[in-house]
mmCIF file of all heavy atoms, coordinates in Angstrom:
data_MODEL
# 
_entry.id   MODEL 
# 
loop_
_atom_site.group_PDB 
_atom_site.id 
_atom_site.type_symbol 
_atom_site.label_atom_id 
_atom_site.label_alt_id 
_atom_site.label_comp_id 
_atom_site.label_asym_id 
_atom_site.label_entity_id 
_atom_site.label_seq_id 
_atom_site.pdbx_PDB_ins_code 
_atom_site.Cartn_x 
_atom_site.Cartn_y 
_atom_site.Cartn_z 
_atom_site.occupancy 
_atom_site.B_iso_or_equiv 
_atom_site.pdbx_formal_charge 
_atom_site.auth_seq_id 
_atom_site.auth_comp_id 
_atom_site.auth_asym_id 
_atom_site.auth_atom_id 
_atom_site.pdbx_PDB_model_num 
ATOM 1   N N   . GLU A 1 1  ? -121.292 -90.565 52.382 1.00 0.00 ? 1  GLU A N   1 
ATOM 2   C CA  . GLU A 1 1  ? -120.755 -91.456 51.351 1.00 0.00 ? 1  GLU A CA  1 
ATOM 3   C C   . GLU A 1 1  ? -120.079 -90.703 50.217 1.00 0.00 ? 1  GLU A C   1 
ATOM 4   O O   . GLU A 1 1  ? -119.058 -91.128 49.696 1.00 0.00 ? 1  GLU A O   1 
ATOM 5   C CB  . GLU A 1 1  ? -121.883 -92.329 50.794 1.00 0.00 ? 1  GLU A CB  1 
ATOM 6   C CG  . GLU A 1 1  ? -121.396 -93.374 49.807 1.00 0.00 ? 1  GLU A CG  1 
ATOM 7   C CD  . GLU A 1 1  ? -122.485 -94.346 49.415 1.00 0.00 ? 1  GLU A CD  1 
ATOM 8   O OE1 . GLU A 1 1  ? -123.611 -94.223 49.937 1.00 0.00 ? 1  GLU A OE1 1 
ATOM 9   O OE2 . GLU A 1 1  ? -122.221 -95.236 48.599 1.00 0.00 ? 1  GLU A OE2 1 
ATOM 10  N N   . GLY A 1 2  ? -120.624 -89.562 49.796 1.00 0.00 ? 2  GLY A N   1 
ATOM 11  C CA  . GLY A 1 2  ? -120.030 -88.806 48.695 1.00 0.00 ? 2  GLY A CA  1 
ATOM 12  C C   . GLY A 1 2  ? -118.797 -88.036 49.143 1.00 0.00 ? 2  GLY A C   1 
ATOM 13  O O   . GLY A 1 2  ? -118.573 -87.801 50.329 1.00 0.00 ? 2  GLY A O   1 
ATOM 14  N N   . ILE A 1 3  ? -117.993 -87.613 48.179 1.00 0.00 ? 3  ILE A N   1 
ATOM 15  C CA  . ILE A 1 3  ? -116.776 -86.865 48.479 1.00 0.00 ? 3  ILE A CA  1 
ATOM 16  C C   . ILE A 1 3  ? -117.134 -85.416 48.780 1.00 0.00 ? 3  ILE A C   1 
ATOM 17  O O   . ILE A 1 3  ? -117.598 -84.675 47.903 1.00 0.00 ? 3  ILE A O   1 
ATOM 18  C CB  . ILE A 1 3  ? -115.778 -86.939 47.309 1.00 0.00 ? 3  ILE A CB  1 
ATOM 19  C CG1 . ILE A 1 3  ? -115.357 -88.396 47.073 1.00 0.00 ? 3  ILE A CG1 1 
ATOM 20  C CG2 . ILE A 1 3  ? -114.549 -86.071 47.587 1.00 0.00 ? 3  ILE A CG2 1 
ATOM 21  C CD1 . ILE A 1 3  ? -114.465 -88.582 45.861 1.00 0.00 ? 3  ILE A CD1 1 
ATOM 22  N N   . ASP A 1 4  ? -116.953 -85.013 50.025 1.00 0.00 ? 4  ASP A N   1 
ATOM 23  C CA  . ASP A 1 4  ? -117.201 -83.630 50.477 1.00 0.00 ? 4  ASP A CA  1 
ATOM 24  C C   . ASP A 1 4  ? -118.633 -83.183 50.196 1.00 0.00 ? 4  ASP A C   1 
ATOM 25  O O   . ASP A 1 4  ? -118.885 -82.015 49.878 1.00 0.00 ? 4  ASP A O   1 
ATOM 26  C CB  . ASP A 1 4  ? -116.210 -82.656 49.807 1.00 0.00 ? 4  ASP A CB  1 
ATOM 27  C CG  . ASP A 1 4  ? -114.768 -83.031 50.086 1.00 0.00 ? 4  ASP A CG  1 
ATOM 28  O OD1 . ASP A 1 4  ? -114.478 -83.442 51.216 1.00 0.00 ? 4  ASP A OD1 1 
ATOM 29  O OD2 . ASP A 1 4  ? -113.934 -82.926 49.170 1.00 0.00 ? 4  ASP A OD2 1 
ATOM 30  N N   . THR A 1 5  ? -119.585 -84.097 50.339 1.00 0.00 ? 5  THR A N   1 
ATOM 31  C CA  . THR A 1 5  ? -120.986 -83.781 50.034 1.00 0.00 ? 5  THR A CA  1 
ATOM 32  C C   . THR A 1 5  ? -121.840 -83.600 51.286 1.00 0.00 ? 5  THR A C   1 
ATOM 33  O O   . THR A 1 5  ? -123.015 -83.264 51.190 1.00 0.00 ? 5  THR A O   1 
ATOM 34  C CB  . THR A 1 5  ? -121.616 -84.896 49.187 1.00 0.00 ? 5  THR A CB  1 
ATOM 35  O OG1 . THR A 1 5  ? -121.529 -86.139 49.910 1.00 0.00 ? 5  THR A OG1 1 
ATOM 36  C CG2 . THR A 1 5  ? -120.897 -85.042 47.855 1.00 0.00 ? 5  THR A CG2 1 
ATOM 37  N N   . GLY A 1 6  ? -121.261 -83.814 52.460 1.00 0.00 ? 6  GLY A N   1 
ATOM 38  C CA  . GLY A 1 6  ? -122.042 -83.814 53.689 1.00 0.00 ? 6  GLY A CA  1 
ATOM 39  C C   . GLY A 1 6  ? -122.566 -82.455 54.090 1.00 0.00 ? 6  GLY A C   1 
ATOM 40  O O   . GLY A 1 6  ? -122.131 -81.407 53.590 1.00 0.00 ? 6  GLY A O   1 
ATOM 41  N N   . ASP A 1 7  ? -123.512 -82.462 55.029 1.00 0.00 ? 7  ASP A N   1 
ATOM 42  C CA  . ASP A 1 7  ? -124.072 -81.224 55.562 1.00 0.00 ? 7  ASP A CA  1 
ATOM 43  C C   . ASP A 1 7  ? -122.989 -80.454 56.318 1.00 0.00 ? 7  ASP A C   1 
ATOM 44  O O   . ASP A 1 7  ? -122.084 -81.029 56.922 1.00 0.00 ? 7  ASP A O   1 
ATOM 45  C CB  . ASP A 1 7  ? -125.232 -81.531 56.507 1.00 0.00 ? 7  ASP A CB  1 
ATOM 46  C CG  . ASP A 1 7  ? -126.447 -82.099 55.769 1.00 0.00 ? 7  ASP A CG  1 
ATOM 47  O OD1 . ASP A 1 7  ? -126.425 -82.122 54.520 1.00 0.00 ? 7  ASP A OD1 1 
ATOM 48  O OD2 . ASP A 1 7  ? -127.394 -82.531 56.448 1.00 0.00 ? 7  ASP A OD2 1 
ATOM 49  N N   . VAL A 1 8  ? -123.101 -79.129 56.296 1.00 0.00 ? 8  VAL A N   1 
ATOM 50  C CA  . VAL A 1 8  ? -122.065 -78.242 56.827 1.00 0.00 ? 8  VAL A CA  1 
ATOM 51  C C   . VAL A 1 8  ? -122.483 -77.665 58.175 1.00 0.00 ? 8  VAL A C   1 
ATOM 52  O O   . VAL A 1 8  ? -123.590 -77.152 58.339 1.00 0.00 ? 8  VAL A O   1 
ATOM 53  C CB  . VAL A 1 8  ? -121.775 -77.095 55.829 1.00 0.00 ? 8  VAL A CB  1 
ATOM 54  C CG1 . VAL A 1 8  ? -120.802 -76.085 56.433 1.00 0.00 ? 8  VAL A CG1 1 
ATOM 55  C CG2 . VAL A 1 8  ? -121.202 -77.663 54.527 1.00 0.00 ? 8  VAL A CG2 1 
ATOM 56  N N   . TYR A 1 9  ? -121.571 -77.751 59.148 1.00 0.00 ? 9  TYR A N   1 
ATOM 57  C CA  . TYR A 1 9  ? -121.792 -77.185 60.482 1.00 0.00 ? 9  TYR A CA  1 
ATOM 58  C C   . TYR A 1 9  ? -121.414 -75.704 60.533 1.00 0.00 ? 9  TYR A C   1 
ATOM 59  O O   . TYR A 1 9  ? -122.170 -74.880 61.049 1.00 0.00 ? 9  TYR A O   1 
ATOM 60  C CB  . TYR A 1 9  ? -120.950 -77.933 61.511 1.00 0.00 ? 9  TYR A CB  1 
ATOM 61  C CG  . TYR A 1 9  ? -121.427 -79.321 61.804 1.00 0.00 ? 9  TYR A CG  1 
ATOM 62  C CD1 . TYR A 1 9  ? -121.037 -80.399 61.023 1.00 0.00 ? 9  TYR A CD1 1 
ATOM 63  C CD2 . TYR A 1 9  ? -122.260 -79.576 62.887 1.00 0.00 ? 9  TYR A CD2 1 
ATOM 64  C CE1 . TYR A 1 9  ? -121.464 -81.688 61.300 1.00 0.00 ? 9  TYR A CE1 1 
ATOM 65  C CE2 . TYR A 1 9  ? -122.704 -80.857 63.178 1.00 0.00 ? 9  TYR A CE2 1 
ATOM 66  C CZ  . TYR A 1 9  ? -122.302 -81.908 62.377 1.00 0.00 ? 9  TYR A CZ  1 
ATOM 67  O OH  . TYR A 1 9  ? -122.738 -83.183 62.646 1.00 0.00 ? 9  TYR A OH  1 
ATOM 68  N N   . LEU A 1 10 ? -120.218 -75.402 60.035 1.00 0.00 ? 10 LEU A N   1 
ATOM 69  C CA  . LEU A 1 10 ? -119.676 -74.046 60.129 1.00 0.00 ? 10 LEU A CA  1 
ATOM 70  C C   . LEU A 1 10 ? -118.802 -73.760 58.923 1.00 0.00 ? 10 LEU A C   1 
ATOM 71  O O   . LEU A 1 10 ? -118.254 -74.682 58.310 1.00 0.00 ? 10 LEU A O   1 
ATOM 72  C CB  . LEU A 1 10 ? -118.799 -73.890 61.382 1.00 0.00 ? 10 LEU A CB  1 
ATOM 73  C CG  . LEU A 1 10 ? -119.366 -74.128 62.768 1.00 0.00 ? 10 LEU A CG  1 
ATOM 74  C CD1 . LEU A 1 10 ? -118.217 -74.120 63.781 1.00 0.00 ? 10 LEU A CD1 1 
ATOM 75  C CD2 . LEU A 1 10 ? -120.389 -73.066 63.135 1.00 0.00 ? 10 LEU A CD2 1 
ATOM 76  N N   . LYS A 1 11 ? -118.635 -72.472 58.626 1.00 0.00 ? 11 LYS A N   1 
ATOM 77  C CA  . LYS A 1 11 ? -117.624 -72.028 57.669 1.00 0.00 ? 11 LYS A CA  1 
ATOM 78  C C   . LYS A 1 11 ? -116.891 -70.832 58.272 1.00 0.00 ? 11 LYS A C   1 
ATOM 79  O O   . LYS A 1 11 ? -117.517 -69.973 58.901 1.00 0.00 ? 11 LYS A O   1 
ATOM 80  C CB  . LYS A 1 11 ? -118.257 -71.618 56.332 1.00 0.00 ? 11 LYS A CB  1 
ATOM 81  C CG  . LYS A 1 11 ? -118.850 -72.761 55.535 1.00 0.00 ? 11 LYS A CG  1 
ATOM 82  C CD  . LYS A 1 11 ? -119.391 -72.267 54.199 1.00 0.00 ? 11 LYS A CD  1 
ATOM 83  C CE  . LYS A 1 11 ? -119.999 -73.406 53.382 1.00 0.00 ? 11 LYS A CE  1 
ATOM 84  N NZ  . LYS A 1 11 ? -120.485 -72.959 52.054 1.00 0.00 ? 11 LYS A NZ  1 
ATOM 85  N N   . ARG A 1 12 ? -115.583 -70.799 58.076 1.00 0.00 ? 12 ARG A N   1 
ATOM 86  C CA  . ARG A 1 12 ? -114.790 -69.690 58.580 1.00 0.00 ? 12 ARG A CA  1 
ATOM 87  C C   . ARG A 1 12 ? -113.767 -69.278 57.536 1.00 0.00 ? 12 ARG A C   1 
ATOM 88  O O   . ARG A 1 12 ? -113.288 -70.091 56.751 1.00 0.00 ? 12 ARG A O   1 
ATOM 89  C CB  . ARG A 1 12 ? -114.078 -70.074 59.887 1.00 0.00 ? 12 ARG A CB  1 
ATOM 90  C CG  . ARG A 1 12 ? -115.029 -70.312 61.061 1.00 0.00 ? 12 ARG A CG  1 
ATOM 91  C CD  . ARG A 1 12 ? -115.735 -69.026 61.481 1.00 0.00 ? 12 ARG A CD  1 
ATOM 92  N NE  . ARG A 1 12 ? -116.644 -69.226 62.610 1.00 0.00 ? 12 ARG A NE  1 
ATOM 93  C CZ  . ARG A 1 12 ? -117.947 -69.475 62.496 1.00 0.00 ? 12 ARG A CZ  1 
ATOM 94  N NH1 . ARG A 1 12 ? -118.485 -69.593 61.281 1.00 0.00 ? 12 ARG A NH1 1 
ATOM 95  N NH2 . ARG A 1 12 ? -118.713 -69.612 63.555 1.00 0.00 ? 12 ARG A NH2 1 
ATOM 96  N N   . ASP A 1 13 ? -113.413 -67.989 57.535 1.00 0.00 ? 13 ASP A N   1 
ATOM 97  C CA  . ASP A 1 13 ? -112.507 -67.429 56.537 1.00 0.00 ? 13 ASP A CA  1 
ATOM 98  C C   . ASP A 1 13 ? -111.064 -67.892 56.748 1.00 0.00 ? 13 ASP A C   1 
ATOM 99  O O   . ASP A 1 13 ? -110.627 -68.115 57.883 1.00 0.00 ? 13 ASP A O   1 
ATOM 100 C CB  . ASP A 1 13 ? -112.538 -65.897 56.584 1.00 0.00 ? 13 ASP A CB  1 
ATOM 101 C CG  . ASP A 1 13 ? -113.885 -65.318 56.167 1.00 0.00 ? 13 ASP A CG  1 
ATOM 102 O OD1 . ASP A 1 13 ? -114.570 -65.956 55.345 1.00 0.00 ? 13 ASP A OD1 1 
ATOM 103 O OD2 . ASP A 1 13 ? -114.238 -64.232 56.654 1.00 0.00 ? 13 ASP A OD2 1 
ATOM 104 N N   . LEU A 1 14 ? -110.331 -67.991 55.643 1.00 0.00 ? 14 LEU A N   1 
ATOM 105 C CA  . LEU A 1 14 ? -108.914 -68.339 55.683 1.00 0.00 ? 14 LEU A CA  1 
ATOM 106 C C   . LEU A 1 14 ? -108.193 -67.626 54.539 1.00 0.00 ? 14 LEU A C   1 
ATOM 107 O O   . LEU A 1 14 ? -108.611 -67.720 53.383 1.00 0.00 ? 14 LEU A O   1 
ATOM 108 C CB  . LEU A 1 14 ? -108.720 -69.849 55.542 1.00 0.00 ? 14 LEU A CB  1 
ATOM 109 C CG  . LEU A 1 14 ? -107.270 -70.336 55.559 1.00 0.00 ? 14 LEU A CG  1 
ATOM 110 C CD1 . LEU A 1 14 ? -106.646 -70.156 56.944 1.00 0.00 ? 14 LEU A CD1 1 
ATOM 111 C CD2 . LEU A 1 14 ? -107.160 -71.788 55.104 1.00 0.00 ? 14 LEU A CD2 1 
ATOM 112 N N   . ALA A 1 15 ? -107.103 -66.931 54.876 1.00 0.00 ? 15 ALA A N   1 
ATOM 113 C CA  . ALA A 1 15 ? -106.278 -66.262 53.859 1.00 0.00 ? 15 ALA A CA  1 
ATOM 114 C C   . ALA A 1 15 ? -105.279 -67.256 53.278 1.00 0.00 ? 15 ALA A C   1 
ATOM 115 O O   . ALA A 1 15 ? -104.790 -68.155 53.974 1.00 0.00 ? 15 ALA A O   1 
ATOM 116 C CB  . ALA A 1 15 ? -105.549 -65.075 54.477 1.00 0.00 ? 15 ALA A CB  1 
ATOM 117 N N   . LEU A 1 16 ? -104.935 -67.071 52.005 1.00 0.00 ? 16 LEU A N   1 
ATOM 118 C CA  . LEU A 1 16 ? -104.089 -68.028 51.292 1.00 0.00 ? 16 LEU A CA  1 
ATOM 119 C C   . LEU A 1 16 ? -102.710 -67.473 50.937 1.00 0.00 ? 16 LEU A C   1 
ATOM 120 O O   . LEU A 1 16 ? -102.063 -67.966 50.021 1.00 0.00 ? 16 LEU A O   1 
ATOM 121 C CB  . LEU A 1 16 ? -104.796 -68.492 50.011 1.00 0.00 ? 16 LEU A CB  1 
ATOM 122 C CG  . LEU A 1 16 ? -106.076 -69.297 50.227 1.00 0.00 ? 16 LEU A CG  1 
ATOM 123 C CD1 . LEU A 1 16 ? -106.749 -69.593 48.884 1.00 0.00 ? 16 LEU A CD1 1 
ATOM 124 C CD2 . LEU A 1 16 ? -105.792 -70.602 50.973 1.00 0.00 ? 16 LEU A CD2 1 
ATOM 125 N N   . PHE A 1 17 ? -102.236 -66.467 51.658 1.00 0.00 ? 17 PHE A N   1 
ATOM 126 C CA  . PHE A 1 17 ? -100.885 -65.968 51.400 1.00 0.00 ? 17 PHE A CA  1 
ATOM 127 C C   . PHE A 1 17 ? -99.872  -66.842 52.142 1.00 0.00 ? 17 PHE A C   1 
ATOM 128 O O   . PHE A 1 17 ? -100.197 -67.513 53.121 1.00 0.00 ? 17 PHE A O   1 
ATOM 129 C CB  . PHE A 1 17 ? -100.744 -64.501 51.821 1.00 0.00 ? 17 PHE A CB  1 
ATOM 130 C CG  . PHE A 1 17 ? -100.988 -64.258 53.283 1.00 0.00 ? 17 PHE A CG  1 
ATOM 131 C CD1 . PHE A 1 17 ? -99.965  -64.398 54.218 1.00 0.00 ? 17 PHE A CD1 1 
ATOM 132 C CD2 . PHE A 1 17 ? -102.247 -63.863 53.740 1.00 0.00 ? 17 PHE A CD2 1 
ATOM 133 C CE1 . PHE A 1 17 ? -100.189 -64.180 55.563 1.00 0.00 ? 17 PHE A CE1 1 
ATOM 134 C CE2 . PHE A 1 17 ? -102.480 -63.635 55.088 1.00 0.00 ? 17 PHE A CE2 1 
ATOM 135 C CZ  . PHE A 1 17 ? -101.441 -63.794 55.998 1.00 0.00 ? 17 PHE A CZ  1 
ATOM 136 N N   . GLY A 1 18 ? -98.620  -66.814 51.662 1.00 0.00 ? 18 GLY A N   1 
ATOM 137 C CA  . GLY A 1 18 ? -97.561  -67.575 52.313 1.00 0.00 ? 18 GLY A CA  1 
ATOM 138 C C   . GLY A 1 18 ? -97.406  -68.972 51.754 1.00 0.00 ? 18 GLY A C   1 
ATOM 139 O O   . GLY A 1 18 ? -98.061  -69.368 50.783 1.00 0.00 ? 18 GLY A O   1 
ATOM 140 N N   . THR A 1 19 ? -96.522  -69.735 52.386 1.00 0.00 ? 19 THR A N   1 
ATOM 141 C CA  . THR A 1 19 ? -96.259  -71.105 51.940 1.00 0.00 ? 19 THR A CA  1 
ATOM 142 C C   . THR A 1 19 ? -97.393  -72.027 52.380 1.00 0.00 ? 19 THR A C   1 
ATOM 143 O O   . THR A 1 19 ? -98.187  -71.685 53.257 1.00 0.00 ? 19 THR A O   1 
ATOM 144 C CB  . THR A 1 19 ? -94.945  -71.636 52.539 1.00 0.00 ? 19 THR A CB  1 
ATOM 145 O OG1 . THR A 1 19 ? -95.098  -71.735 53.968 1.00 0.00 ? 19 THR A OG1 1 
ATOM 146 C CG2 . THR A 1 19 ? -93.770  -70.715 52.225 1.00 0.00 ? 19 THR A CG2 1 
ATOM 147 N N   . ALA A 1 20 ? -97.418  -73.220 51.796 1.00 0.00 ? 20 ALA A N   1 
ATOM 148 C CA  . ALA A 1 20 ? -98.415  -74.209 52.206 1.00 0.00 ? 20 ALA A CA  1 
ATOM 149 C C   . ALA A 1 20 ? -98.306  -74.491 53.703 1.00 0.00 ? 20 ALA A C   1 
ATOM 150 O O   . ALA A 1 20 ? -99.316  -74.606 54.399 1.00 0.00 ? 20 ALA A O   1 
ATOM 151 C CB  . ALA A 1 20 ? -98.234  -75.495 51.405 1.00 0.00 ? 20 ALA A CB  1 
ATOM 152 N N   . GLU A 1 21 ? -97.072  -74.588 54.210 1.00 0.00 ? 21 GLU A N   1 
ATOM 153 C CA  . GLU A 1 21 ? -96.871  -74.836 55.639 1.00 0.00 ? 21 GLU A CA  1 
ATOM 154 C C   . GLU A 1 21 ? -97.498  -73.727 56.478 1.00 0.00 ? 21 GLU A C   1 
ATOM 155 O O   . GLU A 1 21 ? -98.180  -73.986 57.476 1.00 0.00 ? 21 GLU A O   1 
ATOM 156 C CB  . GLU A 1 21 ? -95.371  -74.933 55.938 1.00 0.00 ? 21 GLU A CB  1 
ATOM 157 C CG  . GLU A 1 21 ? -95.045  -75.300 57.364 1.00 0.00 ? 21 GLU A CG  1 
ATOM 158 C CD  . GLU A 1 21 ? -94.967  -76.801 57.602 1.00 0.00 ? 21 GLU A CD  1 
ATOM 159 O OE1 . GLU A 1 21 ? -95.085  -77.563 56.626 1.00 0.00 ? 21 GLU A OE1 1 
ATOM 160 O OE2 . GLU A 1 21 ? -94.788  -77.183 58.763 1.00 0.00 ? 21 GLU A OE2 1 
ATOM 161 N N   . GLU A 1 22 ? -97.276  -72.485 56.077 1.00 0.00 ? 22 GLU A N   1 
ATOM 162 C CA  . GLU A 1 22 ? -97.833  -71.342 56.817 1.00 0.00 ? 22 GLU A CA  1 
ATOM 163 C C   . GLU A 1 22 ? -99.356  -71.338 56.749 1.00 0.00 ? 22 GLU A C   1 
ATOM 164 O O   . GLU A 1 22 ? -100.038 -71.022 57.730 1.00 0.00 ? 22 GLU A O   1 
ATOM 165 C CB  . GLU A 1 22 ? -97.259  -70.046 56.264 1.00 0.00 ? 22 GLU A CB  1 
ATOM 166 C CG  . GLU A 1 22 ? -95.775  -69.869 56.550 1.00 0.00 ? 22 GLU A CG  1 
ATOM 167 C CD  . GLU A 1 22 ? -95.130  -68.752 55.742 1.00 0.00 ? 22 GLU A CD  1 
ATOM 168 O OE1 . GLU A 1 22 ? -95.701  -68.341 54.709 1.00 0.00 ? 22 GLU A OE1 1 
ATOM 169 O OE2 . GLU A 1 22 ? -94.039  -68.307 56.138 1.00 0.00 ? 22 GLU A OE2 1 
ATOM 170 N N   . ILE A 1 23 ? -99.895  -71.678 55.594 1.00 0.00 ? 23 ILE A N   1 
ATOM 171 C CA  . ILE A 1 23 ? -101.352 -71.710 55.442 1.00 0.00 ? 23 ILE A CA  1 
ATOM 172 C C   . ILE A 1 23 ? -101.953 -72.813 56.307 1.00 0.00 ? 23 ILE A C   1 
ATOM 173 O O   . ILE A 1 23 ? -102.980 -72.617 56.967 1.00 0.00 ? 23 ILE A O   1 
ATOM 174 C CB  . ILE A 1 23 ? -101.737 -71.895 53.959 1.00 0.00 ? 23 ILE A CB  1 
ATOM 175 C CG1 . ILE A 1 23 ? -101.273 -70.688 53.142 1.00 0.00 ? 23 ILE A CG1 1 
ATOM 176 C CG2 . ILE A 1 23 ? -103.250 -72.079 53.812 1.00 0.00 ? 23 ILE A CG2 1 
ATOM 177 C CD1 . ILE A 1 23 ? -101.342 -70.886 51.643 1.00 0.00 ? 23 ILE A CD1 1 
ATOM 178 N N   . PHE A 1 24 ? -101.314 -73.983 56.327 1.00 0.00 ? 24 PHE A N   1 
ATOM 179 C CA  . PHE A 1 24 ? -101.816 -75.070 57.172 1.00 0.00 ? 24 PHE A CA  1 
ATOM 180 C C   . PHE A 1 24 ? -101.771 -74.689 58.651 1.00 0.00 ? 24 PHE A C   1 
ATOM 181 O O   . PHE A 1 24 ? -102.679 -75.029 59.414 1.00 0.00 ? 24 PHE A O   1 
ATOM 182 C CB  . PHE A 1 24 ? -101.011 -76.346 56.936 1.00 0.00 ? 24 PHE A CB  1 
ATOM 183 C CG  . PHE A 1 24 ? -101.335 -77.046 55.645 1.00 0.00 ? 24 PHE A CG  1 
ATOM 184 C CD1 . PHE A 1 24 ? -100.321 -77.524 54.817 1.00 0.00 ? 24 PHE A CD1 1 
ATOM 185 C CD2 . PHE A 1 24 ? -102.650 -77.253 55.248 1.00 0.00 ? 24 PHE A CD2 1 
ATOM 186 C CE1 . PHE A 1 24 ? -100.612 -78.177 53.631 1.00 0.00 ? 24 PHE A CE1 1 
ATOM 187 C CE2 . PHE A 1 24 ? -102.956 -77.907 54.063 1.00 0.00 ? 24 PHE A CE2 1 
ATOM 188 C CZ  . PHE A 1 24 ? -101.937 -78.372 53.265 1.00 0.00 ? 24 PHE A CZ  1 
ATOM 189 N N   . LEU A 1 25 ? -100.720 -74.003 59.082 1.00 0.00 ? 25 LEU A N   1 
ATOM 190 C CA  . LEU A 1 25 ? -100.631 -73.560 60.471 1.00 0.00 ? 25 LEU A CA  1 
ATOM 191 C C   . LEU A 1 25 ? -101.733 -72.555 60.792 1.00 0.00 ? 25 LEU A C   1 
ATOM 192 O O   . LEU A 1 25 ? -102.349 -72.594 61.866 1.00 0.00 ? 25 LEU A O   1 
ATOM 193 C CB  . LEU A 1 25 ? -99.260  -72.946 60.741 1.00 0.00 ? 25 LEU A CB  1 
ATOM 194 C CG  . LEU A 1 25 ? -98.097  -73.935 60.822 1.00 0.00 ? 25 LEU A CG  1 
ATOM 195 C CD1 . LEU A 1 25 ? -96.761  -73.190 60.841 1.00 0.00 ? 25 LEU A CD1 1 
ATOM 196 C CD2 . LEU A 1 25 ? -98.221  -74.813 62.055 1.00 0.00 ? 25 LEU A CD2 1 
ATOM 197 N N   . ARG A 1 26 ? -101.992 -71.663 59.850 1.00 0.00 ? 26 ARG A N   1 
ATOM 198 C CA  . ARG A 1 26 ? -103.079 -70.689 60.030 1.00 0.00 ? 26 ARG A CA  1 
ATOM 199 C C   . ARG A 1 26 ? -104.424 -71.421 60.085 1.00 0.00 ? 26 ARG A C   1 
ATOM 200 O O   . ARG A 1 26 ? -105.287 -71.098 60.907 1.00 0.00 ? 26 ARG A O   1 
ATOM 201 C CB  . ARG A 1 26 ? -103.046 -69.701 58.855 1.00 0.00 ? 26 ARG A CB  1 
ATOM 202 C CG  . ARG A 1 26 ? -103.824 -68.406 59.073 1.00 0.00 ? 26 ARG A CG  1 
ATOM 203 C CD  . ARG A 1 26 ? -103.673 -67.485 57.865 1.00 0.00 ? 26 ARG A CD  1 
ATOM 204 N NE  . ARG A 1 26 ? -102.274 -67.307 57.535 1.00 0.00 ? 26 ARG A NE  1 
ATOM 205 C CZ  . ARG A 1 26 ? -101.754 -67.483 56.328 1.00 0.00 ? 26 ARG A CZ  1 
ATOM 206 N NH1 . ARG A 1 26 ? -102.520 -67.864 55.318 1.00 0.00 ? 26 ARG A NH1 1 
ATOM 207 N NH2 . ARG A 1 26 ? -100.475 -67.284 56.115 1.00 0.00 ? 26 ARG A NH2 1 
ATOM 208 N N   . ALA A 1 27 ? -104.583 -72.410 59.207 1.00 0.00 ? 27 ALA A N   1 
ATOM 209 C CA  . ALA A 1 27 ? -105.825 -73.188 59.191 1.00 0.00 ? 27 ALA A CA  1 
ATOM 210 C C   . ALA A 1 27 ? -106.010 -73.936 60.504 1.00 0.00 ? 27 ALA A C   1 
ATOM 211 O O   . ALA A 1 27 ? -107.137 -74.073 60.997 1.00 0.00 ? 27 ALA A O   1 
ATOM 212 C CB  . ALA A 1 27 ? -105.814 -74.168 58.024 1.00 0.00 ? 27 ALA A CB  1 
ATOM 213 N N   . SER A 1 28 ? -104.920 -74.429 61.083 1.00 0.00 ? 28 SER A N   1 
ATOM 214 C CA  . SER A 1 28 ? -105.006 -75.174 62.334 1.00 0.00 ? 28 SER A CA  1 
ATOM 215 C C   . SER A 1 28 ? -105.618 -74.319 63.441 1.00 0.00 ? 28 SER A C   1 
ATOM 216 O O   . SER A 1 28 ? -106.448 -74.791 64.230 1.00 0.00 ? 28 SER A O   1 
ATOM 217 C CB  . SER A 1 28 ? -103.604 -75.651 62.747 1.00 0.00 ? 28 SER A CB  1 
ATOM 218 O OG  . SER A 1 28 ? -103.671 -76.573 63.801 1.00 0.00 ? 28 SER A OG  1 
ATOM 219 N N   . LYS A 1 29 ? -105.230 -73.059 63.501 1.00 0.00 ? 29 LYS A N   1 
ATOM 220 C CA  . LYS A 1 29 ? -105.788 -72.154 64.516 1.00 0.00 ? 29 LYS A CA  1 
ATOM 221 C C   . LYS A 1 29 ? -107.283 -71.936 64.287 1.00 0.00 ? 29 LYS A C   1 
ATOM 222 O O   . LYS A 1 29 ? -108.066 -71.883 65.234 1.00 0.00 ? 29 LYS A O   1 
ATOM 223 C CB  . LYS A 1 29 ? -105.033 -70.829 64.485 1.00 0.00 ? 29 LYS A CB  1 
ATOM 224 C CG  . LYS A 1 29 ? -103.577 -70.939 64.889 1.00 0.00 ? 29 LYS A CG  1 
ATOM 225 C CD  . LYS A 1 29 ? -102.851 -69.608 64.786 1.00 0.00 ? 29 LYS A CD  1 
ATOM 226 C CE  . LYS A 1 29 ? -101.391 -69.746 65.173 1.00 0.00 ? 29 LYS A CE  1 
ATOM 227 N NZ  . LYS A 1 29 ? -100.658 -68.455 65.036 1.00 0.00 ? 29 LYS A NZ  1 
ATOM 228 N N   . VAL A 1 30 ? -107.664 -71.808 63.023 1.00 0.00 ? 30 VAL A N   1 
ATOM 229 C CA  . VAL A 1 30 ? -109.087 -71.627 62.702 1.00 0.00 ? 30 VAL A CA  1 
ATOM 230 C C   . VAL A 1 30 ? -109.877 -72.881 63.068 1.00 0.00 ? 30 VAL A C   1 
ATOM 231 O O   . VAL A 1 30 ? -110.975 -72.801 63.631 1.00 0.00 ? 30 VAL A O   1 
ATOM 232 C CB  . VAL A 1 30 ? -109.262 -71.291 61.203 1.00 0.00 ? 30 VAL A CB  1 
ATOM 233 C CG1 . VAL A 1 30 ? -110.745 -71.222 60.836 1.00 0.00 ? 30 VAL A CG1 1 
ATOM 234 C CG2 . VAL A 1 30 ? -108.579 -69.968 60.867 1.00 0.00 ? 30 VAL A CG2 1 
ATOM 235 N N   . ILE A 1 31 ? -109.320 -74.050 62.773 1.00 0.00 ? 31 ILE A N   1 
ATOM 236 C CA  . ILE A 1 31 ? -110.012 -75.315 63.074 1.00 0.00 ? 31 ILE A CA  1 
ATOM 237 C C   . ILE A 1 31 ? -110.189 -75.494 64.579 1.00 0.00 ? 31 ILE A C   1 
ATOM 238 O O   . ILE A 1 31 ? -111.221 -75.995 65.034 1.00 0.00 ? 31 ILE A O   1 
ATOM 239 C CB  . ILE A 1 31 ? -109.261 -76.496 62.438 1.00 0.00 ? 31 ILE A CB  1 
ATOM 240 C CG1 . ILE A 1 31 ? -109.355 -76.418 60.912 1.00 0.00 ? 31 ILE A CG1 1 
ATOM 241 C CG2 . ILE A 1 31 ? -109.836 -77.833 62.916 1.00 0.00 ? 31 ILE A CG2 1 
ATOM 242 C CD1 . ILE A 1 31 ? -108.450 -77.395 60.178 1.00 0.00 ? 31 ILE A CD1 1 
# 
C-alpha cells in the first residue's frame, strides 16, 4: 500500500553515467 515501502527481494548495482536513455537501457539489462 505504501509508496516503495514493500519488502525487498534483491538489490543490484547500477552506474549513473550517460543520458537517461542510456541509463534506462543499462537498467533494463540488470532487471
